[in-house]
PDB file of N, CA and C in Angstrom:
ATOM      1  N   UNK A   1     211.816 288.059 -37.486  1.00  0.00           N
ATOM      2  CA  UNK A   1     210.725 287.665 -36.683  1.00  0.00           C
ATOM      3  C   UNK A   1     210.017 289.005 -36.252  1.00  0.00           C
ATOM      4  N   UNK A   2     208.514 288.964 -36.261  1.00  0.00           N
ATOM      5  CA  UNK A   2     207.845 290.190 -35.815  1.00  0.00           C
ATOM      6  C   UNK A   2     207.946 290.123 -34.297  1.00  0.00           C
ATOM      7  N   UNK A   3     207.615 291.370 -33.809  1.00  0.00           N
ATOM      8  CA  UNK A   3     207.570 291.415 -32.353  1.00  0.00           C
ATOM      9  C   UNK A   3     206.515 290.583 -31.514  1.00  0.00           C
ATOM     10  N   UNK A   4     205.320 290.628 -32.079  1.00  0.00           N
ATOM     11  CA  UNK A   4     204.496 289.661 -31.540  1.00  0.00           C
ATOM     12  C   UNK A   4     204.825 288.214 -31.748  1.00  0.00           C
ATOM     13  N   UNK A   5     205.355 287.927 -32.577  1.00  0.00           N
ATOM     14  CA  UNK A   5     205.896 286.495 -32.776  1.00  0.00           C
ATOM     15  C   UNK A   5     207.117 286.124 -31.878  1.00  0.00           C
ATOM     16  N   UNK A   6     207.958 287.106 -31.649  1.00  0.00           N
ATOM     17  CA  UNK A   6     209.029 286.859 -30.696  1.00  0.00           C
ATOM     18  C   UNK A   6     208.382 286.781 -29.258  1.00  0.00           C
ATOM     19  N   UNK A   7     207.361 287.494 -28.840  1.00  0.00           N
ATOM     20  CA  UNK A   7     206.807 287.247 -27.628  1.00  0.00           C
ATOM     21  C   UNK A   7     206.025 285.925 -27.137  1.00  0.00           C
ATOM     22  N   UNK A   8     205.512 285.424 -28.704  1.00  0.00           N
ATOM     23  CA  UNK A   8     204.721 284.130 -28.500  1.00  0.00           C
ATOM     24  C   UNK A   8     205.768 283.214 -28.358  1.00  0.00           C
ATOM     25  N   UNK A   9     206.924 283.118 -29.261  1.00  0.00           N
ATOM     26  CA  UNK A   9     208.006 282.309 -28.962  1.00  0.00           C
ATOM     27  C   UNK A   9     208.289 282.285 -27.725  1.00  0.00           C
ATOM     28  N   UNK A  10     208.745 283.312 -27.014  1.00  0.00           N
ATOM     29  CA  UNK A  10     209.085 283.456 -25.519  1.00  0.00           C
ATOM     30  C   UNK A  10     208.172 282.685 -24.580  1.00  0.00           C
ATOM     31  N   UNK A  11     206.785 283.054 -24.895  1.00  0.00           N
ATOM     32  CA  UNK A  11     205.810 282.311 -23.844  1.00  0.00           C
ATOM     33  C   UNK A  11     205.888 280.978 -24.002  1.00  0.00           C
ATOM     34  N   UNK A  12     205.930 280.430 -25.247  1.00  0.00           N
ATOM     35  CA  UNK A  12     205.972 278.911 -25.406  1.00  0.00           C
ATOM     36  C   UNK A  12     207.026 278.319 -24.865  1.00  0.00           C
ATOM     37  N   UNK A  13     208.245 278.899 -24.919  1.00  0.00           N
ATOM     38  CA  UNK A  13     209.488 278.348 -24.589  1.00  0.00           C
ATOM     39  C   UNK A  13     209.530 278.525 -22.784  1.00  0.00           C
ATOM     40  N   UNK A  14     208.876 279.458 -22.317  1.00  0.00           N
ATOM     41  CA  UNK A  14     208.769 279.475 -20.861  1.00  0.00           C
ATOM     42  C   UNK A  14     207.920 278.395 -20.464  1.00  0.00           C
ATOM     43  N   UNK A  15     206.706 278.279 -21.249  1.00  0.00           N
ATOM     44  CA  UNK A  15     205.882 277.008 -20.866  1.00  0.00           C
ATOM     45  C   UNK A  15     206.391 275.583 -20.916  1.00  0.00           C
ATOM     46  N   UNK A  16     207.321 275.509 -21.968  1.00  0.00           N
ATOM     47  CA  UNK A  16     208.029 274.022 -22.153  1.00  0.00           C
ATOM     48  C   UNK A  16     208.959 273.973 -20.949  1.00  0.00           C
ATOM     49  N   UNK A  17     209.757 274.909 -20.786  1.00  0.00           N
ATOM     50  CA  UNK A  17     210.572 274.757 -19.529  1.00  0.00           C
ATOM     51  C   UNK A  17     210.101 274.624 -18.181  1.00  0.00           C
ATOM     52  N   UNK A  18     208.783 275.119 -17.998  1.00  0.00           N
ATOM     53  CA  UNK A  18     208.146 274.793 -16.806  1.00  0.00           C
ATOM     54  C   UNK A  18     207.509 273.339 -16.745  1.00  0.00           C
ATOM     55  N   UNK A  19     207.229 272.876 -17.897  1.00  0.00           N
ATOM     56  CA  UNK A  19     207.079 271.441 -18.052  1.00  0.00           C
ATOM     57  C   UNK A  19     207.904 270.298 -18.059  1.00  0.00           C
ATOM     58  N   UNK A  20     209.078 270.636 -18.204  1.00  0.00           N
ATOM     59  CA  UNK A  20     210.261 269.800 -18.334  1.00  0.00           C
ATOM     60  C   UNK A  20     210.260 268.659 -17.125  1.00  0.00           C
ATOM     61  N   UNK A  21     210.193 269.263 -16.068  1.00  0.00           N
ATOM     62  CA  UNK A  21     210.175 268.235 -14.800  1.00  0.00           C
ATOM     63  C   UNK A  21     209.058 267.167 -14.907  1.00  0.00           C
ATOM     64  N   UNK A  22     208.067 267.776 -15.268  1.00  0.00           N
ATOM     65  CA  UNK A  22     206.861 266.806 -15.339  1.00  0.00           C
ATOM     66  C   UNK A  22     207.058 265.848 -16.518  1.00  0.00           C
ATOM     67  N   UNK A  23     207.534 266.086 -17.588  1.00  0.00           N
ATOM     68  CA  UNK A  23     207.936 265.210 -18.723  1.00  0.00           C
ATOM     69  C   UNK A  23     208.915 264.344 -18.265  1.00  0.00           C
ATOM     70  N   UNK A  24     209.961 264.806 -17.743  1.00  0.00           N
ATOM     71  CA  UNK A  24     211.129 263.810 -17.291  1.00  0.00           C
ATOM     72  C   UNK A  24     210.507 262.853 -16.206  1.00  0.00           C
ATOM     73  N   UNK A  25     209.629 263.253 -15.422  1.00  0.00           N
ATOM     74  CA  UNK A  25     208.953 262.524 -14.326  1.00  0.00           C
ATOM     75  C   UNK A  25     208.108 261.377 -14.979  1.00  0.00           C
ATOM     76  N   UNK A  26     207.691 261.366 -16.150  1.00  0.00           N
ATOM     77  CA  UNK A  26     206.865 260.503 -16.617  1.00  0.00           C
ATOM     78  C   UNK A  26     207.604 259.375 -17.350  1.00  0.00           C
ATOM     79  N   UNK A  27     208.892 259.610 -17.767  1.00  0.00           N
ATOM     80  CA  UNK A  27     209.784 258.490 -18.267  1.00  0.00           C
ATOM     81  C   UNK A  27     209.846 257.364 -17.675  1.00  0.00           C
ATOM     82  N   UNK A  28     210.115 257.348 -16.380  1.00  0.00           N
ATOM     83  CA  UNK A  28     210.044 255.931 -15.637  1.00  0.00           C
ATOM     84  C   UNK A  28     208.816 254.991 -15.835  1.00  0.00           C
ATOM     85  N   UNK A  29     207.663 255.744 -15.819  1.00  0.00           N
ATOM     86  CA  UNK A  29     206.448 255.091 -15.942  1.00  0.00           C
ATOM     87  C   UNK A  29     206.370 254.674 -17.407  1.00  0.00           C
ATOM     88  N   UNK A  30     206.737 255.364 -18.418  1.00  0.00           N
ATOM     89  CA  UNK A  30     206.562 254.987 -19.773  1.00  0.00           C
ATOM     90  C   UNK A  30     207.315 253.851 -20.112  1.00  0.00           C
ATOM     91  N   UNK A  31     208.646 253.847 -19.435  1.00  0.00           N
ATOM     92  CA  UNK A  31     209.526 252.600 -19.497  1.00  0.00           C
ATOM     93  C   UNK A  31     208.817 251.376 -18.995  1.00  0.00           C
ATOM     94  N   UNK A  32     208.250 251.705 -17.893  1.00  0.00           N
ATOM     95  CA  UNK A  32     207.823 250.426 -17.100  1.00  0.00           C
ATOM     96  C   UNK A  32     206.610 249.932 -18.062  1.00  0.00           C
ATOM     97  N   UNK A  33     205.762 250.679 -18.567  1.00  0.00           N
ATOM     98  CA  UNK A  33     204.586 250.337 -19.233  1.00  0.00           C
ATOM     99  C   UNK A  33     204.893 249.564 -20.610  1.00  0.00           C
ATOM    100  N   UNK A  34     205.973 250.150 -21.229  1.00  0.00           N
ATOM    101  CA  UNK A  34     206.643 249.449 -22.364  1.00  0.00           C
ATOM    102  C   UNK A  34     207.357 248.304 -22.152  1.00  0.00           C
ATOM    103  N   UNK A  35     208.183 248.107 -21.142  1.00  0.00           N
ATOM    104  CA  UNK A  35     208.415 246.553 -20.728  1.00  0.00           C
ATOM    105  C   UNK A  35     207.600 245.608 -20.549  1.00  0.00           C
ATOM    106  N   UNK A  36     206.470 246.094 -19.882  1.00  0.00           N
ATOM    107  CA  UNK A  36     205.320 245.167 -19.495  1.00  0.00           C
ATOM    108  C   UNK A  36     204.688 244.940 -20.888  1.00  0.00           C
ATOM    109  N   UNK A  37     204.467 245.625 -21.738  1.00  0.00           N
ATOM    110  CA  UNK A  37     203.981 245.425 -22.861  1.00  0.00           C
ATOM    111  C   UNK A  37     204.651 244.375 -23.708  1.00  0.00           C
ATOM    112  N   UNK A  38     205.825 244.695 -23.931  1.00  0.00           N
ATOM    113  CA  UNK A  38     207.004 243.811 -24.479  1.00  0.00           C
ATOM    114  C   UNK A  38     206.966 242.354 -23.883  1.00  0.00           C
ATOM    115  N   UNK A  39     207.001 242.264 -22.648  1.00  0.00           N
ATOM    116  CA  UNK A  39     207.013 240.992 -21.933  1.00  0.00           C
ATOM    117  C   UNK A  39     205.791 240.145 -22.107  1.00  0.00           C
ATOM    118  N   UNK A  40     204.543 240.939 -22.235  1.00  0.00           N
ATOM    119  CA  UNK A  40     203.453 240.370 -22.443  1.00  0.00           C
ATOM    120  C   UNK A  40     203.260 239.815 -23.610  1.00  0.00           C
ATOM    121  N   UNK A  41     203.638 240.419 -24.928  1.00  0.00           N
ATOM    122  CA  UNK A  41     203.703 240.135 -26.080  1.00  0.00           C
ATOM    123  C   UNK A  41     204.565 238.687 -26.357  1.00  0.00           C
ATOM    124  N   UNK A  42     205.705 238.730 -25.593  1.00  0.00           N
ATOM    125  CA  UNK A  42     206.323 237.422 -25.485  1.00  0.00           C
ATOM    126  C   UNK A  42     205.730 236.231 -24.969  1.00  0.00           C
ATOM    127  N   UNK A  43     205.199 236.500 -23.912  1.00  0.00           N
ATOM    128  CA  UNK A  43     204.150 235.593 -23.074  1.00  0.00           C
ATOM    129  C   UNK A  43     203.214 234.887 -24.014  1.00  0.00           C
ATOM    130  N   UNK A  44     202.609 235.843 -24.753  1.00  0.00           N
ATOM    131  CA  UNK A  44     201.458 235.465 -25.542  1.00  0.00           C
ATOM    132  C   UNK A  44     201.988 234.820 -27.022  1.00  0.00           C
ATOM    133  N   UNK A  45     203.173 234.494 -26.935  1.00  0.00           N
ATOM    134  CA  UNK A  45     203.701 233.872 -28.158  1.00  0.00           C
ATOM    135  C   UNK A  45     204.326 234.454 -29.210  1.00  0.00           C
ATOM    136  N   UNK A  46     204.522 235.660 -29.263  1.00  0.00           N
ATOM    137  CA  UNK A  46     205.370 236.356 -30.109  1.00  0.00           C
ATOM    138  C   UNK A  46     206.813 236.192 -29.797  1.00  0.00           C
ATOM    139  N   UNK A  47     207.730 236.221 -30.844  1.00  0.00           N
ATOM    140  CA  UNK A  47     208.974 235.926 -30.515  1.00  0.00           C
ATOM    141  C   UNK A  47     209.630 237.431 -30.003  1.00  0.00           C
ATOM    142  N   UNK A  48     210.719 237.281 -29.613  1.00  0.00           N
ATOM    143  CA  UNK A  48     211.339 238.613 -29.047  1.00  0.00           C
ATOM    144  C   UNK A  48     211.429 239.656 -30.023  1.00  0.00           C
ATOM    145  N   UNK A  49     211.974 239.173 -31.259  1.00  0.00           N
ATOM    146  CA  UNK A  49     212.080 239.900 -32.537  1.00  0.00           C
ATOM    147  C   UNK A  49     210.705 240.652 -32.749  1.00  0.00           C
ATOM    148  N   UNK A  50     209.618 239.681 -32.770  1.00  0.00           N
ATOM    149  CA  UNK A  50     208.437 240.257 -33.240  1.00  0.00           C
ATOM    150  C   UNK A  50     207.846 241.212 -32.241  1.00  0.00           C
ATOM    151  N   UNK A  51     207.999 241.017 -30.763  1.00  0.00           N
ATOM    152  CA  UNK A  51     207.715 241.960 -29.773  1.00  0.00           C
ATOM    153  C   UNK A  51     208.350 243.209 -29.783  1.00  0.00           C
ATOM    154  N   UNK A  52     209.623 243.143 -30.116  1.00  0.00           N
ATOM    155  CA  UNK A  52     210.380 244.311 -30.331  1.00  0.00           C
ATOM    156  C   UNK A  52     210.034 245.398 -31.237  1.00  0.00           C
ATOM    157  N   UNK A  53     209.886 244.542 -32.353  1.00  0.00           N
ATOM    158  CA  UNK A  53     209.228 245.407 -33.680  1.00  0.00           C
ATOM    159  C   UNK A  53     207.865 246.110 -33.261  1.00  0.00           C
ATOM    160  N   UNK A  54     207.123 245.231 -32.684  1.00  0.00           N
ATOM    161  CA  UNK A  54     205.809 245.741 -32.333  1.00  0.00           C
ATOM    162  C   UNK A  54     205.710 247.059 -31.447  1.00  0.00           C
ATOM    163  N   UNK A  55     206.694 246.981 -30.333  1.00  0.00           N
ATOM    164  CA  UNK A  55     207.001 247.888 -29.141  1.00  0.00           C
ATOM    165  C   UNK A  55     207.408 249.076 -30.046  1.00  0.00           C
ATOM    166  N   UNK A  56     208.456 248.909 -30.757  1.00  0.00           N
ATOM    167  CA  UNK A  56     209.254 249.907 -31.399  1.00  0.00           C
ATOM    168  C   UNK A  56     208.464 250.690 -32.397  1.00  0.00           C
ATOM    169  N   UNK A  57     207.279 250.008 -33.264  1.00  0.00           N
ATOM    170  CA  UNK A  57     206.632 250.728 -34.135  1.00  0.00           C
ATOM    171  C   UNK A  57     205.379 251.492 -33.466  1.00  0.00           C
ATOM    172  N   UNK A  58     204.808 250.706 -32.519  1.00  0.00           N
ATOM    173  CA  UNK A  58     203.489 251.022 -32.044  1.00  0.00           C
ATOM    174  C   UNK A  58     203.601 251.723 -30.597  1.00  0.00           C
ATOM    175  N   UNK A  59     204.660 251.575 -29.780  1.00  0.00           N
ATOM    176  CA  UNK A  59     204.821 252.041 -28.354  1.00  0.00           C
ATOM    177  C   UNK A  59     203.776 251.096 -27.680  1.00  0.00           C
ATOM    178  N   UNK A  60     203.799 251.467 -26.249  1.00  0.00           N
ATOM    179  CA  UNK A  60     202.755 250.637 -25.474  1.00  0.00           C
ATOM    180  C   UNK A  60     201.392 251.277 -25.631  1.00  0.00           C
ATOM    181  N   UNK A  61     201.214 252.260 -26.356  1.00  0.00           N
ATOM    182  CA  UNK A  61     199.792 252.913 -26.413  1.00  0.00           C
ATOM    183  C   UNK A  61     199.118 252.399 -27.673  1.00  0.00           C
ATOM    184  N   UNK A  62     199.613 251.321 -28.279  1.00  0.00           N
ATOM    185  CA  UNK A  62     199.064 250.584 -29.589  1.00  0.00           C
ATOM    186  C   UNK A  62     197.607 250.344 -29.227  1.00  0.00           C
ATOM    187  N   UNK A  63     196.687 250.783 -30.277  1.00  0.00           N
ATOM    188  CA  UNK A  63     195.265 250.468 -29.949  1.00  0.00           C
ATOM    189  C   UNK A  63     194.509 251.445 -29.347  1.00  0.00           C
ATOM    190  N   UNK A  64     195.059 252.404 -28.701  1.00  0.00           N
ATOM    191  CA  UNK A  64     194.563 253.515 -28.001  1.00  0.00           C
ATOM    192  C   UNK A  64     194.557 254.808 -28.641  1.00  0.00           C
ATOM    193  N   UNK A  65     193.275 255.470 -28.379  1.00  0.00           N
ATOM    194  CA  UNK A  65     193.361 256.867 -29.144  1.00  0.00           C
ATOM    195  C   UNK A  65     194.590 257.815 -28.846  1.00  0.00           C
ATOM    196  N   UNK A  66     195.296 258.108 -29.871  1.00  0.00           N
ATOM    197  CA  UNK A  66     196.430 258.848 -29.425  1.00  0.00           C
ATOM    198  C   UNK A  66     197.922 258.089 -29.841  1.00  0.00           C
ATOM    199  N   UNK A  67     197.460 256.780 -30.043  1.00  0.00           N
ATOM    200  CA  UNK A  67     198.821 256.012 -30.267  1.00  0.00           C
ATOM    201  C   UNK A  67     199.126 256.129 -31.672  1.00  0.00           C
ATOM    202  N   UNK A  68     200.373 255.375 -32.012  1.00  0.00           N
ATOM    203  CA  UNK A  68     200.596 255.383 -33.296  1.00  0.00           C
ATOM    204  C   UNK A  68     200.034 254.056 -33.864  1.00  0.00           C
ATOM    205  N   UNK A  69     199.328 254.300 -34.928  1.00  0.00           N
ATOM    206  CA  UNK A  69     198.449 253.068 -35.681  1.00  0.00           C
ATOM    207  C   UNK A  69     198.855 253.111 -37.017  1.00  0.00           C
TER     208      UNK A  69
END
């Protein structure tokens, strides 16, 4: 690894380490949104198996820019 590549890697690692608490803090919200989406799919008539498949494949961001499509 070249010296400038090593420095860039260290900077990226430092930035990631600084962002870890924020990332971890977002997980409860993501879990809540995912559960609400799953429950709503079931409420709208999807079977539990179908709803689980949809959520597993698309996540709660289905249909939004940036979601898995």
